[in-house]
Amino acid sequence: MSTSSISSHDSNSLPRTLTQAQKETYAAEKLTNFRWVAKVLATHSSYTLTPKDLADERLFSELAELGQFTELANTNVVPVDFLFKN
């Protein structure tokens, strides 16, 4: 996908111009471009989130820990064997 199609807009978004740094970043992406996936598949919900929609503190902490582990395992900075042992 070219950067020109990223900077185009549809009826659900405001027109904007990408900076040179953004264009270079988007052009260098090698994995799934989730901005494009969201643009093609996502819809806007009529539901507005409220404080009652927040996860409880215990679940929030568990998800945060899982997210940190996933980030470490996915970046390959630290060997996965080391992560499992520690």
C-alpha atoms as a PDB file:
ATOM      1  CA  MET A   1       0.000   0.000   0.000  1.00  0.00           C
ATOM      2  CA  SER A   2       1.410   3.362  -0.893  1.00  0.00           C
ATOM      3  CA  THR A   3       1.629   6.325   1.431  1.00  0.00           C
ATOM      4  CA  SER A   4      -0.606   8.334  -0.878  1.00  0.00           C
ATOM      5  CA  SER A   5      -3.559   6.069  -0.060  1.00  0.00           C
ATOM      6  CA  ILE A   6      -2.830   6.406   3.658  1.00  0.00           C
ATOM      7  CA  SER A   7      -3.063  10.180   3.470  1.00  0.00           C
ATOM      8  CA  SER A   8      -6.317  10.125   1.504  1.00  0.00           C
ATOM      9  CA  HIS A   9      -9.447  10.508   3.558  1.00  0.00           C
ATOM     10  CA  ASP A  10     -12.958   9.161   3.622  1.00  0.00           C
ATOM     11  CA  SER A  11     -16.195  10.459   5.085  1.00  0.00           C
ATOM     12  CA  ASN A  12     -15.289   9.116   8.558  1.00  0.00           C
ATOM     13  CA  SER A  13     -12.019  11.014   8.969  1.00  0.00           C
ATOM     14  CA  LEU A  14     -10.685  14.495   8.622  1.00  0.00           C
ATOM     15  CA  PRO A  15      -8.218  15.193   5.809  1.00  0.00           C
ATOM     16  CA  ARG A  16      -4.629  15.375   6.984  1.00  0.00           C
ATOM     17  CA  THR A  17      -1.183  15.530   5.506  1.00  0.00           C
ATOM     18  CA  LEU A  18       1.505  13.104   6.579  1.00  0.00           C
ATOM     19  CA  THR A  19       4.876  14.424   7.658  1.00  0.00           C
ATOM     20  CA  GLN A  20       7.958  13.207   5.804  1.00  0.00           C
ATOM     21  CA  ALA A  21       8.877  11.093   8.853  1.00  0.00           C
ATOM     22  CA  GLN A  22       5.429   9.448   8.840  1.00  0.00           C
ATOM     23  CA  LYS A  23       5.671   8.706   5.118  1.00  0.00           C
ATOM     24  CA  GLU A  24       9.087   7.085   5.634  1.00  0.00           C
ATOM     25  CA  THR A  25       7.839   5.081   8.619  1.00  0.00           C
ATOM     26  CA  TYR A  26       4.793   3.774   6.759  1.00  0.00           C
ATOM     27  CA  ALA A  27       6.857   2.953   3.660  1.00  0.00           C
ATOM     28  CA  ALA A  28       9.338   0.951   5.791  1.00  0.00           C
ATOM     29  CA  GLU A  29       6.677  -1.242   7.434  1.00  0.00           C
ATOM     30  CA  LYS A  30       7.168  -4.929   6.753  1.00  0.00           C
ATOM     31  CA  LEU A  31       4.429  -6.477   8.901  1.00  0.00           C
ATOM     32  CA  THR A  32       0.648  -6.186   8.705  1.00  0.00           C
ATOM     33  CA  ASN A  33      -0.372  -2.551   8.382  1.00  0.00           C
ATOM     34  CA  PHE A  34      -3.099  -2.312  11.013  1.00  0.00           C
ATOM     35  CA  ARG A  35      -3.960   1.277  10.082  1.00  0.00           C
ATOM     36  CA  TRP A  36      -4.938   0.001   6.636  1.00  0.00           C
ATOM     37  CA  VAL A  37      -6.808  -2.990   8.099  1.00  0.00           C
ATOM     38  CA  ALA A  38      -8.719  -0.681  10.443  1.00  0.00           C
ATOM     39  CA  LYS A  39      -9.517   1.740   7.642  1.00  0.00           C
ATOM     40  CA  VAL A  40     -10.894  -1.037   5.439  1.00  0.00           C
ATOM     41  CA  LEU A  41     -12.711  -3.147   8.041  1.00  0.00           C
ATOM     42  CA  ALA A  42     -13.545  -0.950  11.016  1.00  0.00           C
ATOM     43  CA  THR A  43     -16.750   0.886  11.669  1.00  0.00           C
ATOM     44  CA  HIS A  44     -17.559   3.596  14.181  1.00  0.00           C
ATOM     45  CA  SER A  45     -19.672   2.497  17.110  1.00  0.00           C
ATOM     46  CA  SER A  46     -22.637   4.504  18.297  1.00  0.00           C
ATOM     47  CA  TYR A  47     -21.774   3.375  21.850  1.00  0.00           C
ATOM     48  CA  THR A  48     -19.634   5.745  23.928  1.00  0.00           C
ATOM     49  CA  LEU A  49     -17.429   4.113  26.557  1.00  0.00           C
ATOM     50  CA  THR A  50     -17.977   5.199  30.158  1.00  0.00           C
ATOM     51  CA  PRO A  51     -16.200   4.485  33.456  1.00  0.00           C
ATOM     52  CA  LYS A  52     -18.452   1.447  33.973  1.00  0.00           C
ATOM     53  CA  ASP A  53     -16.751  -0.146  30.956  1.00  0.00           C
ATOM     54  CA  LEU A  54     -13.327  -0.145  32.617  1.00  0.00           C
ATOM     55  CA  ALA A  55     -11.790  -3.499  33.529  1.00  0.00           C
ATOM     56  CA  ASP A  56     -11.392  -4.120  37.243  1.00  0.00           C
ATOM     57  CA  GLU A  57      -7.918  -3.536  38.699  1.00  0.00           C
ATOM     58  CA  ARG A  58      -7.017  -7.239  38.936  1.00  0.00           C
ATOM     59  CA  LEU A  59      -7.852  -7.905  35.279  1.00  0.00           C
ATOM     60  CA  PHE A  60      -6.083  -4.710  34.237  1.00  0.00           C
ATOM     61  CA  SER A  61      -2.900  -5.828  36.048  1.00  0.00           C
ATOM     62  CA  GLU A  62      -3.030  -9.314  34.512  1.00  0.00           C
ATOM     63  CA  LEU A  63      -3.483  -7.892  31.012  1.00  0.00           C
ATOM     64  CA  ALA A  64      -0.631  -5.423  31.561  1.00  0.00           C
ATOM     65  CA  GLU A  65       1.709  -8.227  32.642  1.00  0.00           C
ATOM     66  CA  LEU A  66       0.661 -10.372  29.684  1.00  0.00           C
ATOM     67  CA  GLY A  67       1.189  -7.449  27.334  1.00  0.00           C
ATOM     68  CA  GLN A  68       4.684  -6.836  28.680  1.00  0.00           C
ATOM     69  CA  PHE A  69       5.591 -10.496  28.249  1.00  0.00           C
ATOM     70  CA  THR A  70       4.159 -10.544  24.724  1.00  0.00           C
ATOM     71  CA  GLU A  71       6.096  -7.434  23.784  1.00  0.00           C
ATOM     72  CA  LEU A  72       9.342  -8.962  25.056  1.00  0.00           C
ATOM     73  CA  ALA A  73       8.695 -12.301  23.343  1.00  0.00           C
ATOM     74  CA  ASN A  74       7.711 -10.654  20.065  1.00  0.00           C
ATOM     75  CA  THR A  75      10.666  -8.269  19.780  1.00  0.00           C
ATOM     76  CA  ASN A  76      13.320 -10.999  20.131  1.00  0.00           C
ATOM     77  CA  VAL A  77      15.559  -8.638  22.092  1.00  0.00           C
ATOM     78  CA  VAL A  78      15.624 -11.127  24.946  1.00  0.00           C
ATOM     79  CA  PRO A  79      15.808 -14.859  24.058  1.00  0.00           C
ATOM     80  CA  VAL A  80      12.447 -16.573  24.663  1.00  0.00           C
ATOM     81  CA  ASP A  81      14.141 -19.373  26.663  1.00  0.00           C
ATOM     82  CA  PHE A  82      15.420 -16.749  29.102  1.00  0.00           C
ATOM     83  CA  LEU A  83      11.919 -15.285  29.468  1.00  0.00           C
ATOM     84  CA  PHE A  84      10.374 -18.659  30.279  1.00  0.00           C
ATOM     85  CA  LYS A  85      13.096 -19.458  32.832  1.00  0.00           C
ATOM     86  CA  ASN A  86      12.785 -16.114  34.555  1.00  0.00           C
END
